[in-house]
Amino acid sequence: MSAYNGAKYIREQIDSLLVQTYQDFVVYIRVDGSTDGTSEIVDDYVKRYSEKIKRVDVGGENLGCGQSFMWLLEHSQADYYMYCDQDDVWLPTKIEETLAKMKEHDDTGHGNLPCVVFTDAIIVDARMNTLFDSLWESNHRNPEDAKDIYRYAVYRQAALGCTMIFNNEARKAALLVKQFPDRKQGQHDRLIVFLCAKLGEVDYVNKPLIRYRQHGKNVSSYMSRSLSRTAIIKAWCSSPGKYYESLKCRFGRLKYLPFKVSWVKLVLTMCGKWINTSGWKS
């Protein structure tokens, strides 16, 4: 878990970890330069659950979300890893069910390949009131897209980092390109999926296993409505610089991946999305 100014919600998240049906795990927390009392809350949990919860930051330097998670991967060692955000709540069987799906791949002889498993999510507001029962269904996100690097790059992201479990092979591959995650936008989760989709395996549990909280300050957030083609064209024309920077942020870091990405195929996938999934009217 990377924690930054999360004092308002972090207790709920940690408490949801402590009541998981599967308990053979350790929580590693890095406080990313917080100034709101997050550090004291984490220290309290470490004191009370010293065998289960470990604080591993040194000095608390603010690295930003993406690089803070990469630091955690670099300074921890296990068979499997799960990114954990500070403001969500995991359902009690999240670890048990995703680990079981992951071990299905191990049992078929694929344990030596980078592998990631992810789940759907329940969208909730700041007070944990349910907004939508399914991220995928309510937001037009297809989990199958995560198995193809081009569709995953272009279409709405179904594989969120806070829903993932991945193996040590995926971790090792990610650390070879640890400069990929962006300081502000993260993308530590996208890196794992890109690597597993190209070099290994991607799978999912077809049900929500977390409550994905939306409170206005999320690093990544839920957007409930697709823009029409007309709205997209107007936005391009009114703020071309803004959309260039958006595309640069979204696709520019693909150059760090350890395999060649076809920009022709990427553009064709973007065109296909624009033609097939957008209407002319709002």
C-alpha atoms as a PDB file:
ATOM      1  CA  MET A   1       0.000   0.000   0.000  1.00  0.00           C
ATOM      2  CA  SER A   2       1.212   3.467  -0.888  1.00  0.00           C
ATOM      3  CA  ALA A   3      -0.405   6.082   1.350  1.00  0.00           C
ATOM      4  CA  TYR A   4      -0.527   9.824   0.762  1.00  0.00           C
ATOM      5  CA  ASN A   5      -2.743  12.121   2.853  1.00  0.00           C
ATOM      6  CA  GLY A   6      -5.237   9.326   3.313  1.00  0.00           C
ATOM      7  CA  ALA A   7      -6.105   9.790   6.975  1.00  0.00           C
ATOM      8  CA  LYS A   8      -9.818  10.111   6.240  1.00  0.00           C
ATOM      9  CA  TYR A   9     -10.211   6.628   4.738  1.00  0.00           C
ATOM     10  CA  ILE A  10      -7.147   4.495   5.393  1.00  0.00           C
ATOM     11  CA  ARG A  11      -8.468   2.883   8.586  1.00  0.00           C
ATOM     12  CA  GLU A  12     -11.426   1.379   6.698  1.00  0.00           C
ATOM     13  CA  GLN A  13      -9.106  -0.063   4.078  1.00  0.00           C
ATOM     14  CA  ILE A  14      -6.691  -1.597   6.562  1.00  0.00           C
ATOM     15  CA  ASP A  15      -9.563  -2.995   8.622  1.00  0.00           C
ATOM     16  CA  SER A  16     -10.928  -4.703   5.501  1.00  0.00           C
ATOM     17  CA  LEU A  17      -7.564  -6.438   5.066  1.00  0.00           C
ATOM     18  CA  LEU A  18      -7.589  -7.692   8.632  1.00  0.00           C
ATOM     19  CA  VAL A  19     -10.907  -9.533   8.129  1.00  0.00           C
ATOM     20  CA  GLN A  20      -9.999 -11.315   4.892  1.00  0.00           C
ATOM     21  CA  THR A  21     -10.953 -14.991   4.802  1.00  0.00           C
ATOM     22  CA  TYR A  22      -7.385 -15.786   3.685  1.00  0.00           C
ATOM     23  CA  GLN A  23      -4.821 -14.481   6.149  1.00  0.00           C
ATOM     24  CA  ASP A  24      -1.425 -15.799   5.037  1.00  0.00           C
ATOM     25  CA  PHE A  25      -0.123 -12.427   3.864  1.00  0.00           C
ATOM     26  CA  VAL A  26       1.818  -9.380   5.022  1.00  0.00           C
ATOM     27  CA  VAL A  27       0.816  -5.761   4.386  1.00  0.00           C
ATOM     28  CA  TYR A  28       3.729  -3.502   3.399  1.00  0.00           C
ATOM     29  CA  ILE A  29       2.906   0.204   3.674  1.00  0.00           C
ATOM     30  CA  ARG A  30       4.932   3.083   2.316  1.00  0.00           C
ATOM     31  CA  VAL A  31       3.857   6.539   3.523  1.00  0.00           C
ATOM     32  CA  ASP A  32       4.544   8.821   0.569  1.00  0.00           C
ATOM     33  CA  GLY A  33       5.361  12.090   2.313  1.00  0.00           C
ATOM     34  CA  SER A  34       1.953  12.560   3.954  1.00  0.00           C
ATOM     35  CA  THR A  35       1.211  15.620   6.087  1.00  0.00           C
ATOM     36  CA  ASP A  36      -2.333  14.906   7.352  1.00  0.00           C
ATOM     37  CA  GLY A  37      -1.892  12.301  10.081  1.00  0.00           C
ATOM     38  CA  THR A  38      -1.676   9.264   7.797  1.00  0.00           C
ATOM     39  CA  SER A  39       1.760   8.461   9.176  1.00  0.00           C
ATOM     40  CA  GLU A  40       0.507   8.314  12.769  1.00  0.00           C
ATOM     41  CA  ILE A  41      -2.426   6.090  11.809  1.00  0.00           C
ATOM     42  CA  VAL A  42      -0.125   3.662  10.017  1.00  0.00           C
ATOM     43  CA  ASP A  43       2.249   3.584  12.993  1.00  0.00           C
ATOM     44  CA  ASP A  44      -0.679   2.750  15.267  1.00  0.00           C
ATOM     45  CA  TYR A  45      -1.625  -0.259  13.130  1.00  0.00           C
ATOM     46  CA  VAL A  46       1.999  -1.394  12.910  1.00  0.00           C
ATOM     47  CA  LYS A  47       2.230  -1.284  16.702  1.00  0.00           C
ATOM     48  CA  ARG A  48      -0.978  -3.303  17.170  1.00  0.00           C
ATOM     49  CA  TYR A  49      -0.397  -5.791  14.323  1.00  0.00           C
ATOM     50  CA  SER A  50       3.385  -5.972  14.122  1.00  0.00           C
ATOM     51  CA  GLU A  51       3.458  -9.425  12.512  1.00  0.00           C
ATOM     52  CA  LYS A  52       0.894  -8.554   9.854  1.00  0.00           C
ATOM     53  CA  ILE A  53       1.581  -4.899   8.970  1.00  0.00           C
ATOM     54  CA  LYS A  54       5.005  -3.492   8.160  1.00  0.00           C
ATOM     55  CA  ARG A  55       5.927   0.125   7.468  1.00  0.00           C
ATOM     56  CA  VAL A  56       8.780   0.137   4.994  1.00  0.00           C
ATOM     57  CA  ASP A  57       9.336   3.749   3.872  1.00  0.00           C
ATOM     58  CA  VAL A  58      12.628   5.396   4.705  1.00  0.00           C
ATOM     59  CA  GLY A  59      12.334   9.128   5.306  1.00  0.00           C
ATOM     60  CA  GLY A  60       8.888   9.381   3.744  1.00  0.00           C
ATOM     61  CA  GLU A  61      10.027  11.111   0.548  1.00  0.00           C
ATOM     62  CA  ASN A  62       7.156  11.971  -1.791  1.00  0.00           C
ATOM     63  CA  LEU A  63       7.709   9.899  -4.933  1.00  0.00           C
ATOM     64  CA  GLY A  64       4.213  10.106  -6.365  1.00  0.00           C
ATOM     65  CA  CYS A  65       1.779   7.226  -6.680  1.00  0.00           C
ATOM     66  CA  GLY A  66       3.392   5.263  -9.520  1.00  0.00           C
ATOM     67  CA  GLN A  67       6.980   5.380  -8.305  1.00  0.00           C
ATOM     68  CA  SER A  68       5.944   4.772  -4.706  1.00  0.00           C
ATOM     69  CA  PHE A  69       4.365   1.475  -5.726  1.00  0.00           C
ATOM     70  CA  MET A  70       7.462   0.568  -7.742  1.00  0.00           C
ATOM     71  CA  TRP A  71       9.594   1.281  -4.662  1.00  0.00           C
ATOM     72  CA  LEU A  72       7.375  -1.107  -2.706  1.00  0.00           C
ATOM     73  CA  LEU A  73       7.822  -3.844  -5.328  1.00  0.00           C
ATOM     74  CA  GLU A  74      11.565  -3.336  -5.259  1.00  0.00           C
ATOM     75  CA  HIS A  75      11.750  -3.588  -1.467  1.00  0.00           C
ATOM     76  CA  SER A  76       9.471  -6.559  -0.848  1.00  0.00           C
ATOM     77  CA  GLN A  77       9.694 -10.240  -1.704  1.00  0.00           C
ATOM     78  CA  ALA A  78       6.839 -12.742  -1.948  1.00  0.00           C
ATOM     79  CA  ASP A  79       5.241 -15.271  -4.285  1.00  0.00           C
ATOM     80  CA  TYR A  80       2.315 -12.982  -5.116  1.00  0.00           C
ATOM     81  CA  TYR A  81       1.620  -9.256  -4.880  1.00  0.00           C
ATOM     82  CA  MET A  82      -1.506  -7.112  -4.619  1.00  0.00           C
ATOM     83  CA  TYR A  83      -1.601  -3.352  -5.089  1.00  0.00           C
ATOM     84  CA  CYS A  84      -3.714  -1.789  -2.361  1.00  0.00           C
ATOM     85  CA  ASP A  85      -5.062   1.767  -2.486  1.00  0.00           C
ATOM     86  CA  GLN A  86      -5.615   3.669   0.738  1.00  0.00           C
ATOM     87  CA  ASP A  87      -9.244   4.649   0.217  1.00  0.00           C
ATOM     88  CA  ASP A  88     -11.105   1.527  -0.947  1.00  0.00           C
ATOM     89  CA  VAL A  89     -12.587  -1.392   0.994  1.00  0.00           C
ATOM     90  CA  TRP A  90     -11.878  -4.998   0.034  1.00  0.00           C
ATOM     91  CA  LEU A  91     -14.664  -7.546   0.260  1.00  0.00           C
ATOM     92  CA  PRO A  92     -13.782 -10.379   2.687  1.00  0.00           C
ATOM     93  CA  THR A  93     -13.022 -13.018   0.019  1.00  0.00           C
ATOM     94  CA  LYS A  94     -10.925 -10.823  -2.311  1.00  0.00           C
ATOM     95  CA  ILE A  95      -7.568 -12.418  -1.532  1.00  0.00           C
ATOM     96  CA  GLU A  96      -8.960 -15.948  -1.327  1.00  0.00           C
ATOM     97  CA  GLU A  97     -10.771 -15.805  -4.670  1.00  0.00           C
ATOM     98  CA  THR A  98      -8.108 -14.010  -6.703  1.00  0.00           C
ATOM     99  CA  LEU A  99      -5.367 -16.240  -5.308  1.00  0.00           C
ATOM    100  CA  ALA A 100      -7.378 -19.318  -6.256  1.00  0.00           C
ATOM    101  CA  LYS A 101      -7.697 -18.062  -9.832  1.00  0.00           C
ATOM    102  CA  MET A 102      -3.978 -17.309  -9.945  1.00  0.00           C
ATOM    103  CA  LYS A 103      -3.119 -20.807  -8.721  1.00  0.00           C
ATOM    104  CA  GLU A 104      -5.172 -22.279 -11.553  1.00  0.00           C
ATOM    105  CA  HIS A 105      -2.511 -20.901 -13.882  1.00  0.00           C
ATOM    106  CA  ASP A 106       0.269 -22.228 -11.677  1.00  0.00           C
ATOM    107  CA  ASP A 107      -1.310 -25.674 -11.701  1.00  0.00           C
ATOM    108  CA  THR A 108      -1.360 -25.730 -15.514  1.00  0.00           C
ATOM    109  CA  GLY A 109       2.376 -25.141 -15.691  1.00  0.00           C
ATOM    110  CA  HIS A 110       2.364 -21.418 -16.372  1.00  0.00           C
ATOM    111  CA  GLY A 111       3.837 -20.285 -13.063  1.00  0.00           C
ATOM    112  CA  ASN A 112       7.100 -19.318 -14.778  1.00  0.00           C
ATOM    113  CA  LEU A 113       5.335 -16.674 -16.893  1.00  0.00           C
ATOM    114  CA  PRO A 114       4.256 -13.177 -15.823  1.00  0.00           C
ATOM    115  CA  CYS A 115       0.618 -13.529 -14.782  1.00  0.00           C
ATOM    116  CA  VAL A 116      -2.015 -11.132 -13.440  1.00  0.00           C
ATOM    117  CA  VAL A 117      -5.585 -11.687 -12.262  1.00  0.00           C
ATOM    118  CA  PHE A 118      -8.039  -8.840 -11.664  1.00  0.00           C
ATOM    119  CA  THR A 119     -11.696  -8.363 -10.685  1.00  0.00           C
ATOM    120  CA  ASP A 120     -14.687  -6.112 -11.186  1.00  0.00           C
ATOM    121  CA  ALA A 121     -15.477  -3.410  -8.601  1.00  0.00           C
ATOM    122  CA  ILE A 122     -18.501  -1.891  -6.884  1.00  0.00           C
ATOM    123  CA  ILE A 123     -18.527   1.889  -7.327  1.00  0.00           C
ATOM    124  CA  VAL A 124     -19.270   3.735  -4.081  1.00  0.00           C
ATOM    125  CA  ASP A 125     -19.264   7.347  -2.971  1.00  0.00           C
ATOM    126  CA  ALA A 126     -17.187   8.865  -0.187  1.00  0.00           C
ATOM    127  CA  ARG A 127     -19.580   7.478   2.444  1.00  0.00           C
ATOM    128  CA  MET A 128     -19.618   3.961   0.965  1.00  0.00           C
ATOM    129  CA  ASN A 129     -23.073   4.315  -0.569  1.00  0.00           C
ATOM    130  CA  THR A 130     -23.308   2.135  -3.678  1.00  0.00           C
ATOM    131  CA  LEU A 131     -23.477   4.088  -6.929  1.00  0.00           C
ATOM    132  CA  PHE A 132     -23.103   1.168  -9.340  1.00  0.00           C
ATOM    133  CA  ASP A 133     -22.928  -2.564  -8.686  1.00  0.00           C
ATOM    134  CA  SER A 134     -20.370  -3.113 -11.464  1.00  0.00           C
ATOM    135  CA  LEU A 135     -17.584  -0.918 -12.822  1.00  0.00           C
ATOM    136  CA  TRP A 136     -17.438  -3.008 -15.989  1.00  0.00           C
ATOM    137  CA  GLU A 137     -21.148  -2.971 -16.807  1.00  0.00           C
ATOM    138  CA  SER A 138     -21.891   0.611 -15.806  1.00  0.00           C
ATOM    139  CA  ASN A 139     -18.820   2.083 -17.515  1.00  0.00           C
ATOM    140  CA  HIS A 140     -18.585  -0.003 -20.703  1.00  0.00           C
ATOM    141  CA  ARG A 141     -15.345  -1.738 -19.726  1.00  0.00           C
ATOM    142  CA  ASN A 142     -14.630  -5.157 -21.203  1.00  0.00           C
ATOM    143  CA  PRO A 143     -12.252  -7.318 -19.121  1.00  0.00           C
ATOM    144  CA  GLU A 144     -11.251  -9.215 -22.277  1.00  0.00           C
ATOM    145  CA  ASP A 145      -9.571  -6.022 -23.549  1.00  0.00           C
ATOM    146  CA  ALA A 146      -6.831  -6.508 -20.949  1.00  0.00           C
ATOM    147  CA  LYS A 147      -5.588  -9.569 -22.866  1.00  0.00           C
ATOM    148  CA  ASP A 148      -4.554  -7.431 -25.852  1.00  0.00           C
ATOM    149  CA  ILE A 149      -2.008  -4.631 -25.386  1.00  0.00           C
ATOM    150  CA  TYR A 150      -3.557  -2.391 -28.050  1.00  0.00           C
ATOM    151  CA  ARG A 151      -7.131  -2.645 -26.830  1.00  0.00           C
ATOM    152  CA  TYR A 152      -5.931  -2.229 -23.253  1.00  0.00           C
ATOM    153  CA  ALA A 153      -4.018   0.911 -24.246  1.00  0.00           C
ATOM    154  CA  VAL A 154      -6.982   2.458 -26.057  1.00  0.00           C
ATOM    155  CA  TYR A 155     -10.204   1.271 -24.434  1.00  0.00           C
ATOM    156  CA  ARG A 156     -11.396   2.044 -20.938  1.00  0.00           C
ATOM    157  CA  GLN A 157      -9.356   0.220 -18.361  1.00  0.00           C
ATOM    158  CA  ALA A 158     -11.136  -2.784 -16.849  1.00  0.00           C
ATOM    159  CA  ALA A 159      -8.084  -4.027 -14.927  1.00  0.00           C
ATOM    160  CA  LEU A 160      -7.562  -1.588 -12.065  1.00  0.00           C
ATOM    161  CA  GLY A 161      -4.481  -1.941  -9.900  1.00  0.00           C
ATOM    162  CA  CYS A 162      -6.550  -2.080  -6.714  1.00  0.00           C
ATOM    163  CA  THR A 163      -8.255  -5.267  -7.977  1.00  0.00           C
ATOM    164  CA  MET A 164      -5.100  -7.133  -9.076  1.00  0.00           C
ATOM    165  CA  ILE A 165      -2.985 -10.005  -7.892  1.00  0.00           C
ATOM    166  CA  PHE A 166       0.178 -10.833  -9.847  1.00  0.00           C
ATOM    167  CA  ASN A 167       3.063 -13.239  -9.497  1.00  0.00           C
ATOM    168  CA  ASN A 168       6.763 -12.769  -8.894  1.00  0.00           C
ATOM    169  CA  GLU A 169       7.562 -13.154 -12.595  1.00  0.00           C
ATOM    170  CA  ALA A 170       5.383 -10.115 -13.315  1.00  0.00           C
ATOM    171  CA  ARG A 171       7.112  -8.208 -10.526  1.00  0.00           C
ATOM    172  CA  LYS A 172      10.562  -9.002 -11.885  1.00  0.00           C
ATOM    173  CA  ALA A 173       9.547  -7.947 -15.397  1.00  0.00           C
ATOM    174  CA  ALA A 174       8.103  -4.676 -14.060  1.00  0.00           C
ATOM    175  CA  LEU A 175      11.251  -3.789 -12.139  1.00  0.00           C
ATOM    176  CA  LEU A 176      13.267  -3.997 -15.358  1.00  0.00           C
ATOM    177  CA  VAL A 177      11.244  -1.029 -16.653  1.00  0.00           C
ATOM    178  CA  LYS A 178      10.447   0.690 -13.369  1.00  0.00           C
ATOM    179  CA  GLN A 179      10.680   4.109 -15.041  1.00  0.00           C
ATOM    180  CA  PHE A 180       7.360   3.380 -16.843  1.00  0.00           C
ATOM    181  CA  PRO A 181       4.971   4.585 -14.087  1.00  0.00           C
ATOM    182  CA  ASP A 182       4.294   8.305 -14.110  1.00  0.00           C
ATOM    183  CA  ARG A 183       4.675  10.419 -10.979  1.00  0.00           C
ATOM    184  CA  LYS A 184       1.211  11.968 -11.196  1.00  0.00           C
ATOM    185  CA  GLN A 185      -0.891   9.460 -13.163  1.00  0.00           C
ATOM    186  CA  GLY A 186       0.566   6.275 -11.720  1.00  0.00           C
ATOM    187  CA  GLN A 187       0.257   3.629 -14.471  1.00  0.00           C
ATOM    188  CA  HIS A 188       1.995   1.058 -12.250  1.00  0.00           C
ATOM    189  CA  ASP A 189      -1.080  -1.115 -12.792  1.00  0.00           C
ATOM    190  CA  ARG A 190      -1.107  -0.630 -16.568  1.00  0.00           C
ATOM    191  CA  LEU A 191       2.551  -1.684 -16.660  1.00  0.00           C
ATOM    192  CA  ILE A 192       1.740  -5.037 -15.064  1.00  0.00           C
ATOM    193  CA  VAL A 193      -1.094  -5.713 -17.510  1.00  0.00           C
ATOM    194  CA  PHE A 194       0.943  -4.727 -20.572  1.00  0.00           C
ATOM    195  CA  LEU A 195       3.751  -7.070 -19.520  1.00  0.00           C
ATOM    196  CA  CYS A 196       1.473 -10.006 -18.728  1.00  0.00           C
ATOM    197  CA  ALA A 197      -0.630  -9.559 -21.874  1.00  0.00           C
ATOM    198  CA  LYS A 198       2.461  -9.634 -24.078  1.00  0.00           C
ATOM    199  CA  LEU A 199       4.796 -11.967 -22.195  1.00  0.00           C
ATOM    200  CA  GLY A 200       2.514 -14.155 -20.095  1.00  0.00           C
ATOM    201  CA  GLU A 201      -1.134 -14.448 -19.119  1.00  0.00           C
ATOM    202  CA  VAL A 202      -4.020 -12.213 -18.069  1.00  0.00           C
ATOM    203  CA  ASP A 203      -7.164 -13.532 -16.381  1.00  0.00           C
ATOM    204  CA  TYR A 204      -9.975 -12.240 -14.204  1.00  0.00           C
ATOM    205  CA  VAL A 205     -12.575 -13.157 -11.614  1.00  0.00           C
ATOM    206  CA  ASN A 206     -15.924 -12.201 -13.112  1.00  0.00           C
ATOM    207  CA  LYS A 207     -17.360 -10.472 -10.046  1.00  0.00           C
ATOM    208  CA  PRO A 208     -16.655  -7.367  -7.949  1.00  0.00           C
ATOM    209  CA  LEU A 209     -14.409  -7.956  -4.949  1.00  0.00           C
ATOM    210  CA  ILE A 210     -13.730  -4.394  -3.818  1.00  0.00           C
ATOM    211  CA  ARG A 211     -15.690  -1.261  -3.041  1.00  0.00           C
ATOM    212  CA  TYR A 212     -14.015   1.340  -5.251  1.00  0.00           C
ATOM    213  CA  ARG A 213     -14.483   4.671  -3.487  1.00  0.00           C
ATOM    214  CA  GLN A 214     -14.978   7.889  -5.469  1.00  0.00           C
ATOM    215  CA  HIS A 215     -14.358  11.048  -3.461  1.00  0.00           C
ATOM    216  CA  GLY A 216     -12.997  13.616  -5.916  1.00  0.00           C
ATOM    217  CA  LYS A 217      -9.306  13.217  -5.099  1.00  0.00           C
ATOM    218  CA  ASN A 218      -8.616   9.788  -6.619  1.00  0.00           C
ATOM    219  CA  VAL A 219      -5.429   9.340  -8.677  1.00  0.00           C
ATOM    220  CA  SER A 220      -7.568   7.321 -11.097  1.00  0.00           C
ATOM    221  CA  SER A 221     -11.313   7.758 -11.118  1.00  0.00           C
ATOM    222  CA  TYR A 222     -14.585   6.536 -12.533  1.00  0.00           C
ATOM    223  CA  MET A 223     -16.157   8.368 -15.477  1.00  0.00           C
ATOM    224  CA  SER A 224     -19.784   7.390 -16.004  1.00  0.00           C
ATOM    225  CA  ARG A 225     -20.418   8.860 -19.435  1.00  0.00           C
ATOM    226  CA  SER A 226     -18.803   8.475 -22.863  1.00  0.00           C
ATOM    227  CA  LEU A 227     -18.345  11.570 -24.999  1.00  0.00           C
ATOM    228  CA  SER A 228     -20.097  11.679 -28.365  1.00  0.00           C
ATOM    229  CA  ARG A 229     -18.053  12.087 -31.545  1.00  0.00           C
ATOM    230  CA  THR A 230     -19.338  15.649 -31.862  1.00  0.00           C
ATOM    231  CA  ALA A 231     -18.207  16.453 -28.326  1.00  0.00           C
ATOM    232  CA  ILE A 232     -14.796  14.877 -28.976  1.00  0.00           C
ATOM    233  CA  ILE A 233     -14.283  16.922 -32.162  1.00  0.00           C
ATOM    234  CA  LYS A 234     -15.319  20.138 -30.397  1.00  0.00           C
ATOM    235  CA  ALA A 235     -12.909  19.382 -27.558  1.00  0.00           C
ATOM    236  CA  TRP A 236     -10.053  18.728 -29.988  1.00  0.00           C
ATOM    237  CA  CYS A 237     -10.740  21.999 -31.796  1.00  0.00           C
ATOM    238  CA  SER A 238     -11.121  24.122 -28.666  1.00  0.00           C
ATOM    239  CA  SER A 239      -8.119  22.759 -26.766  1.00  0.00           C
ATOM    240  CA  PRO A 240      -5.727  20.932 -29.127  1.00  0.00           C
ATOM    241  CA  GLY A 241      -2.793  21.437 -26.785  1.00  0.00           C
ATOM    242  CA  LYS A 242      -4.668  19.889 -23.882  1.00  0.00           C
ATOM    243  CA  TYR A 243      -5.615  16.801 -25.891  1.00  0.00           C
ATOM    244  CA  TYR A 244      -2.117  16.428 -27.254  1.00  0.00           C
ATOM    245  CA  GLU A 245      -0.785  16.383 -23.710  1.00  0.00           C
ATOM    246  CA  SER A 246      -3.495  13.892 -22.735  1.00  0.00           C
ATOM    247  CA  LEU A 247      -2.521  11.534 -25.565  1.00  0.00           C
ATOM    248  CA  LYS A 248       1.167  12.026 -24.796  1.00  0.00           C
ATOM    249  CA  CYS A 249       0.577  11.085 -21.162  1.00  0.00           C
ATOM    250  CA  ARG A 250      -1.530   8.078 -22.129  1.00  0.00           C
ATOM    251  CA  PHE A 251       0.654   6.598 -24.851  1.00  0.00           C
ATOM    252  CA  GLY A 252       4.061   8.251 -24.538  1.00  0.00           C
ATOM    253  CA  ARG A 253       5.265   5.896 -21.842  1.00  0.00           C
ATOM    254  CA  LEU A 254       4.734   2.851 -24.060  1.00  0.00           C
ATOM    255  CA  LYS A 255       8.246   3.510 -25.354  1.00  0.00           C
ATOM    256  CA  TYR A 256       9.603   2.144 -22.072  1.00  0.00           C
ATOM    257  CA  LEU A 257       8.054  -1.302 -22.549  1.00  0.00           C
ATOM    258  CA  PRO A 258      10.581  -4.109 -23.248  1.00  0.00           C
ATOM    259  CA  PHE A 259       8.966  -4.952 -26.581  1.00  0.00           C
ATOM    260  CA  LYS A 260       8.048  -3.057 -29.709  1.00  0.00           C
ATOM    261  CA  VAL A 261       4.649  -1.391 -29.877  1.00  0.00           C
ATOM    262  CA  SER A 262       3.233  -0.857 -33.371  1.00  0.00           C
ATOM    263  CA  TRP A 263       2.049   2.747 -33.590  1.00  0.00           C
ATOM    264  CA  VAL A 264       0.162   1.907 -36.770  1.00  0.00           C
ATOM    265  CA  LYS A 265      -1.822  -0.779 -34.952  1.00  0.00           C
ATOM    266  CA  LEU A 266      -2.339   1.565 -32.009  1.00  0.00           C
ATOM    267  CA  VAL A 267      -3.793   4.286 -34.271  1.00  0.00           C
ATOM    268  CA  LEU A 268      -5.990   1.758 -36.087  1.00  0.00           C
ATOM    269  CA  THR A 269      -7.305   0.523 -32.740  1.00  0.00           C
ATOM    270  CA  MET A 270      -8.065   4.119 -31.729  1.00  0.00           C
ATOM    271  CA  CYS A 271      -9.915   4.705 -35.004  1.00  0.00           C
ATOM    272  CA  GLY A 272     -11.877   1.496 -34.530  1.00  0.00           C
ATOM    273  CA  LYS A 273     -12.901   2.565 -31.040  1.00  0.00           C
ATOM    274  CA  TRP A 274     -13.951   6.004 -32.246  1.00  0.00           C
ATOM    275  CA  ILE A 275     -16.043   4.565 -35.065  1.00  0.00           C
ATOM    276  CA  ASN A 276     -17.619   1.690 -33.176  1.00  0.00           C
ATOM    277  CA  THR A 277     -18.249   2.976 -29.663  1.00  0.00           C
ATOM    278  CA  SER A 278     -19.143   6.683 -30.026  1.00  0.00           C
ATOM    279  CA  GLY A 279     -22.334   8.237 -31.346  1.00  0.00           C
ATOM    280  CA  TRP A 280     -22.724  11.644 -32.958  1.00  0.00           C
ATOM    281  CA  LYS A 281     -25.136  12.843 -30.279  1.00  0.00           C
ATOM    282  CA  SER A 282     -24.498  13.230 -26.575  1.00  0.00           C
END
